Amino acid sequence: MADRKEPKASSRVKEKKERKEGEKKERKEGKKKEEKPPPPAPQPKKEEEKKAEDEQKDQKEKKEEKAENGELKVEPMELPPFEIISGERFSPFFFKFQFKNVEYSSGRNKTFLCYLVDVQGVNGGAAAAEGNTLRGYMEDEHISGHAEEAFFHQVLPEYDPQRRYLVTWYVSSSPCAACAAKLAEILRQRPTMRLKLMAARLFMWEEPEVQDGLRRLSAAGCKLRVMKPTDFQYTWDTFVEPEDQSYVPWEDIQENYEFYEEKLSNILQ
C-alpha cells in the first residue's frame, strides 16, 4: 500500500488563517447590520393639518358628485373695477387701428364711442342748457363696463322729459347683444331722446343674439347705420388730435363699408 501523504504544514496554516479571516469578516458584517438604525416611525399628523385634508377631500367628493348629477356651477369671475377713459380728442394711432372697418377685427378689444349731444328745451343747467352741445369720446377694454352703458352714467346721467335730446354716436364697433338690449330699454324710458348710431364695424354680426339685439334697438327708435367714408373724415376732424398727421383713407374703405352696409340691411329687414 502506498503511504498517505499528510498535507504540508504551510498549507494547513494558510487554510486556518483564511478561515479565521472569513469568520472575522462575517462577524463584522453582522455587527454592521445590527448597528444600522431602524427607519423612523411616521410622525402623527397635527390635528389642524388632518382637518384641512379632510375638508379638501370632502369638497372634492362634493364637486365630483355635482358633476355627475349635472349640478356643478362655475364660480363667478371677479372683474376689474368699472373704468372708462374719456376726453375730447384721442390719438390718431387709435383712430387708424380701432376705426378701420376691416372685416375681421382681430386684436381690437376696445370700443371707442365719439358723441355729440344737442339738448333742446328750458330750465336746464350749465351742462344741459338750451342749444348747448356736448362733445367728447369714451373708450373701454371689453373687460369692464362698456362705453355704451357708461355714456348714460357719465355724460347723460339725468333725464328731463321736458327736454329733447339729440344724441349722435360714431363708434368703432356696433353694440354687443347685452348693450343693445340696455340701450333699447333706455330709449323706451326716455321718449324725448333720439339716438343716431353709426358704426365702423359690426360686432359679431353672424351671432343670432347680436342680430336680435340690433333689431330690438332699431325697433326702440335708434337710427342704425354703418359709417360711410365721409363719416371717417368727420370723426378724424372732430374727435382726433392730429399730432401733425393727416387723415388718409385706407385702400378698401369703400368696399368694406358696402360689405357691412349689406349685412346690417339684411339683419334689420
Protein backbone atom coordinates (compact mmCIF):
# COMPACT_ATOMS: atom_id res chain seq x y z
CA MET A 1 0.00 0.00 0.00
CA ALA A 2 1.10 3.43 -0.76
CA ASP A 3 1.66 5.67 2.20
CA ARG A 4 -0.98 8.54 2.58
CA LYS A 5 0.86 11.80 2.47
CA GLU A 6 -0.03 14.42 5.09
CA PRO A 7 -0.55 17.98 3.85
CA LYS A 8 2.32 20.27 4.34
CA ALA A 9 2.36 22.40 7.49
CA SER A 10 2.41 25.63 5.48
CA SER A 11 -0.83 24.67 3.68
CA ARG A 12 -2.60 23.94 6.96
CA VAL A 13 -1.53 27.23 8.42
CA LYS A 14 -2.74 29.10 5.34
CA GLU A 15 -6.15 27.42 5.39
CA LYS A 16 -6.54 28.12 9.09
CA LYS A 17 -5.65 31.78 8.57
CA GLU A 18 -8.14 32.18 5.71
CA ARG A 19 -10.87 30.51 7.76
CA LYS A 20 -10.28 32.88 10.66
CA GLU A 21 -10.29 35.93 8.39
CA GLY A 22 -13.60 34.76 6.84
CA GLU A 23 -15.19 34.29 10.25
CA LYS A 24 -13.93 37.69 11.35
CA LYS A 25 -15.40 39.33 8.21
CA GLU A 26 -18.78 37.64 8.78
CA ARG A 27 -18.88 38.84 12.40
CA LYS A 28 -18.01 42.39 11.27
CA GLU A 29 -20.75 42.49 8.63
CA GLY A 30 -23.29 41.08 11.07
CA LYS A 31 -22.38 43.73 13.58
CA LYS A 32 -22.89 46.46 10.97
CA LYS A 33 -26.34 45.13 10.18
CA GLU A 34 -27.23 45.13 13.85
CA GLU A 35 -25.92 48.70 14.29
CA LYS A 36 -27.99 50.11 11.34
CA PRO A 37 -30.77 52.21 12.90
CA PRO A 38 -34.34 51.28 12.06
CA PRO A 39 -36.36 53.70 9.83
CA PRO A 40 -38.07 56.46 11.80
CA ALA A 41 -41.62 55.79 12.74
CA PRO A 42 -44.16 58.02 10.94
CA GLN A 43 -44.99 61.04 12.99
CA PRO A 44 -48.67 61.57 13.71
CA LYS A 45 -50.16 64.46 11.72
CA LYS A 46 -51.13 67.56 13.51
CA GLU A 47 -54.81 67.90 14.18
CA GLU A 48 -55.10 71.11 12.05
CA GLU A 49 -53.38 69.51 9.05
CA LYS A 50 -55.60 66.44 9.28
CA LYS A 51 -58.70 68.63 9.49
CA ALA A 52 -57.65 70.66 6.40
CA GLU A 53 -57.03 67.49 4.40
CA ASP A 54 -60.41 66.10 5.40
CA GLU A 55 -62.14 69.31 4.29
CA GLN A 56 -60.37 69.27 0.92
CA LYS A 57 -61.35 65.66 0.45
CA ASP A 58 -64.99 66.43 1.28
CA GLN A 59 -65.06 69.36 -1.16
CA LYS A 60 -63.55 67.23 -3.92
CA GLU A 61 -66.12 64.48 -3.35
CA LYS A 62 -68.99 67.01 -3.41
CA LYS A 63 -67.74 68.54 -6.68
CA GLU A 64 -67.44 65.11 -8.26
CA GLU A 65 -70.95 64.25 -7.10
CA LYS A 66 -72.37 67.51 -8.52
CA ALA A 67 -70.53 66.97 -11.80
CA GLU A 68 -72.07 63.51 -12.11
CA ASN A 69 -75.54 64.97 -11.48
CA GLY A 70 -75.02 67.91 -13.83
CA GLU A 71 -75.30 70.40 -10.97
CA LEU A 72 -71.77 71.80 -10.98
CA LYS A 73 -71.79 75.59 -11.23
CA VAL A 74 -68.89 77.75 -12.39
CA GLU A 75 -67.71 80.16 -9.74
CA PRO A 76 -68.25 83.81 -10.76
CA MET A 77 -65.13 85.56 -12.01
CA GLU A 78 -64.08 88.80 -10.34
CA LEU A 79 -63.77 91.51 -12.99
CA PRO A 80 -61.60 94.63 -12.74
CA PRO A 81 -63.30 97.74 -11.37
CA PHE A 82 -65.53 99.80 -13.65
CA GLU A 83 -63.22 102.14 -15.55
CA ILE A 84 -63.80 104.19 -18.68
CA ILE A 85 -61.38 106.58 -20.35
CA SER A 86 -62.92 109.77 -21.68
CA GLY A 87 -61.87 113.10 -23.16
CA GLU A 88 -62.37 115.48 -26.07
CA ARG A 89 -59.84 114.07 -28.57
CA PHE A 90 -57.80 110.89 -28.84
CA SER A 91 -54.64 109.69 -30.56
CA PRO A 92 -54.54 109.22 -34.36
CA PHE A 93 -52.97 105.82 -33.75
CA PHE A 94 -56.12 104.59 -32.02
CA PHE A 95 -58.30 106.01 -34.79
CA LYS A 96 -56.32 104.32 -37.56
CA PHE A 97 -56.39 100.98 -35.78
CA GLN A 98 -59.72 100.91 -33.91
CA PHE A 99 -61.92 102.63 -36.52
CA LYS A 100 -60.55 100.78 -39.53
CA ASN A 101 -63.57 98.99 -41.00
CA VAL A 102 -61.85 95.66 -41.65
CA GLU A 103 -63.96 92.53 -41.93
CA TYR A 104 -62.06 90.61 -39.24
CA SER A 105 -61.23 92.84 -36.28
CA SER A 106 -58.58 90.68 -34.59
CA GLY A 107 -56.85 92.40 -31.64
CA ARG A 108 -59.36 95.26 -31.45
CA ASN A 109 -60.53 94.71 -27.89
CA LYS A 110 -61.62 98.29 -27.26
CA THR A 111 -64.74 100.21 -28.17
CA PHE A 112 -64.34 103.89 -28.99
CA LEU A 113 -67.50 105.96 -28.75
CA CYS A 114 -67.46 109.51 -30.08
CA TYR A 115 -70.56 111.51 -29.18
CA LEU A 116 -72.42 114.73 -29.92
CA VAL A 117 -75.39 115.73 -27.77
CA ASP A 118 -77.75 118.59 -28.54
CA VAL A 119 -80.13 119.40 -25.69
CA GLN A 120 -83.18 121.46 -26.52
CA GLY A 121 -85.70 122.76 -24.00
CA VAL A 122 -86.00 125.02 -20.97
CA ASN A 123 -84.89 125.11 -17.32
CA GLY A 124 -81.52 123.49 -17.94
CA GLY A 125 -78.28 123.60 -16.02
CA ALA A 126 -74.85 124.60 -17.29
CA ALA A 127 -74.20 121.17 -18.78
CA ALA A 128 -77.56 120.96 -20.48
CA ALA A 129 -78.57 124.48 -21.34
CA GLU A 130 -80.80 125.14 -24.32
CA GLY A 131 -78.81 124.85 -27.52
CA ASN A 132 -75.74 123.56 -25.68
CA THR A 133 -73.76 120.82 -27.47
CA LEU A 134 -71.82 118.19 -25.58
CA ARG A 135 -68.91 116.60 -27.41
CA GLY A 136 -66.28 114.03 -26.49
CA TYR A 137 -65.26 110.40 -26.66
CA MET A 138 -65.16 107.34 -24.41
CA GLU A 139 -63.28 104.07 -24.64
CA ASP A 140 -63.40 100.74 -22.87
CA GLU A 141 -61.47 97.46 -22.80
CA HIS A 142 -64.35 94.93 -23.03
CA ILE A 143 -63.31 93.69 -19.58
CA SER A 144 -65.32 96.11 -17.50
CA GLY A 145 -68.38 98.24 -18.23
CA HIS A 146 -68.85 99.00 -21.92
CA ALA A 147 -68.74 102.52 -23.29
CA GLU A 148 -72.38 102.48 -24.44
CA GLU A 149 -73.65 101.96 -20.90
CA ALA A 150 -71.02 104.27 -19.36
CA PHE A 151 -72.25 107.11 -21.58
CA PHE A 152 -75.52 107.27 -19.63
CA HIS A 153 -73.66 107.17 -16.31
CA GLN A 154 -71.12 109.88 -17.08
CA VAL A 155 -72.47 112.09 -19.87
CA LEU A 156 -76.27 111.92 -19.52
CA PRO A 157 -76.96 110.51 -16.05
CA GLU A 158 -80.18 112.53 -15.71
CA TYR A 159 -83.17 112.90 -17.95
CA ASP A 160 -85.72 115.71 -18.12
CA PRO A 161 -88.88 114.75 -20.04
CA GLN A 162 -89.46 118.44 -20.87
CA ARG A 163 -86.29 118.47 -22.93
CA ARG A 164 -85.41 116.98 -26.27
CA TYR A 165 -82.10 115.14 -26.57
CA LEU A 166 -80.48 114.60 -29.96
CA VAL A 167 -77.63 112.12 -29.47
CA THR A 168 -75.21 111.11 -32.24
CA TRP A 169 -72.64 108.36 -31.83
CA TYR A 170 -69.72 107.37 -34.05
CA VAL A 171 -68.50 104.03 -32.66
CA SER A 172 -65.64 101.77 -33.69
CA SER A 173 -67.89 98.72 -33.30
CA SER A 174 -71.64 98.16 -33.02
CA PRO A 175 -73.03 97.21 -29.58
CA CYS A 176 -72.92 93.69 -28.21
CA ALA A 177 -76.22 91.91 -27.50
CA ALA A 178 -76.30 92.97 -23.84
CA CYS A 179 -75.56 96.64 -24.59
CA ALA A 180 -78.12 96.71 -27.41
CA ALA A 181 -80.79 95.45 -25.01
CA LYS A 182 -79.85 98.07 -22.39
CA LEU A 183 -79.90 100.87 -24.98
CA ALA A 184 -83.32 99.79 -26.21
CA GLU A 185 -84.63 99.91 -22.63
CA ILE A 186 -83.14 103.37 -22.03
CA LEU A 187 -84.74 104.72 -25.20
CA ARG A 188 -88.11 103.38 -24.11
CA GLN A 189 -87.70 105.07 -20.74
CA ARG A 190 -86.64 108.37 -22.35
CA PRO A 191 -89.20 109.06 -25.09
CA THR A 192 -87.85 112.54 -25.93
CA MET A 193 -84.38 111.19 -26.68
CA ARG A 194 -83.29 110.39 -30.24
CA LEU A 195 -80.19 108.25 -30.79
CA LYS A 196 -78.37 108.01 -34.11
CA LEU A 197 -75.67 105.35 -34.05
CA MET A 198 -73.07 104.95 -36.81
CA ALA A 199 -70.64 102.04 -36.52
CA ALA A 200 -67.36 101.46 -38.34
CA ARG A 201 -67.77 97.68 -37.99
CA LEU A 202 -70.48 95.24 -36.94
CA PHE A 203 -69.59 93.33 -33.80
CA MET A 204 -70.07 89.54 -34.20
CA TRP A 205 -72.85 90.18 -36.70
CA GLU A 206 -73.23 86.46 -37.51
CA GLU A 207 -74.42 85.61 -33.97
CA PRO A 208 -78.24 85.32 -33.67
CA GLU A 209 -78.35 87.06 -30.27
CA VAL A 210 -76.38 90.03 -31.64
CA GLN A 211 -78.69 90.30 -34.66
CA ASP A 212 -81.72 90.16 -32.36
CA GLY A 213 -80.22 92.90 -30.19
CA LEU A 214 -79.71 95.19 -33.17
CA ARG A 215 -83.30 94.63 -34.31
CA ARG A 216 -84.62 95.42 -30.83
CA LEU A 217 -82.51 98.57 -30.73
CA SER A 218 -83.85 99.69 -34.11
CA ALA A 219 -87.42 98.95 -33.00
CA ALA A 220 -86.87 101.18 -29.95
CA GLY A 221 -86.24 104.15 -32.25
CA CYS A 222 -82.45 104.10 -32.71
CA LYS A 223 -81.27 105.03 -36.21
CA LEU A 224 -78.60 102.46 -37.01
CA ARG A 225 -76.26 102.64 -39.95
CA VAL A 226 -72.69 101.84 -40.98
CA MET A 227 -70.12 104.65 -41.17
CA LYS A 228 -69.55 105.94 -44.70
CA PRO A 229 -66.11 107.08 -45.89
CA THR A 230 -67.17 110.70 -45.27
CA ASP A 231 -68.04 109.80 -41.66
CA PHE A 232 -64.48 108.67 -41.03
CA GLN A 233 -63.21 112.03 -42.27
CA TYR A 234 -65.67 113.84 -39.97
CA THR A 235 -64.66 111.71 -36.98
CA TRP A 236 -60.99 112.47 -37.62
CA ASP A 237 -61.62 116.22 -37.87
CA THR A 238 -63.90 116.37 -34.82
CA PHE A 239 -62.53 113.86 -32.30
CA VAL A 240 -58.88 113.10 -33.18
CA GLU A 241 -55.80 115.04 -32.07
CA PRO A 242 -53.92 115.12 -35.41
CA GLU A 243 -50.38 115.45 -33.99
CA ASP A 244 -49.16 116.82 -37.35
CA GLN A 245 -50.72 113.89 -39.18
CA SER A 246 -53.30 113.98 -41.96
CA TYR A 247 -56.26 111.72 -42.49
CA VAL A 248 -55.61 109.25 -45.32
CA PRO A 249 -58.41 106.80 -46.23
CA TRP A 250 -57.27 103.19 -46.44
CA GLU A 251 -57.48 101.37 -49.75
CA ASP A 252 -60.58 99.20 -49.18
CA ILE A 253 -62.62 101.65 -47.08
CA GLN A 254 -65.46 101.90 -49.62
CA GLU A 255 -65.56 98.15 -50.27
CA ASN A 256 -65.69 97.37 -46.53
CA TYR A 257 -68.41 99.94 -46.00
CA GLU A 258 -70.57 98.28 -48.67
CA PHE A 259 -69.90 94.86 -47.10
CA TYR A 260 -71.11 95.94 -43.64
CA GLU A 261 -73.96 98.02 -45.00
CA GLU A 262 -75.35 94.95 -46.80
CA LYS A 263 -75.04 92.84 -43.63
CA LEU A 264 -76.82 95.42 -41.49
CA SER A 265 -79.57 95.86 -44.05
CA ASN A 266 -80.21 92.09 -44.08
CA ILE A 267 -80.28 91.97 -40.27
CA LEU A 268 -82.80 94.82 -39.93
CA GLN A 269 -85.18 93.53 -42.60
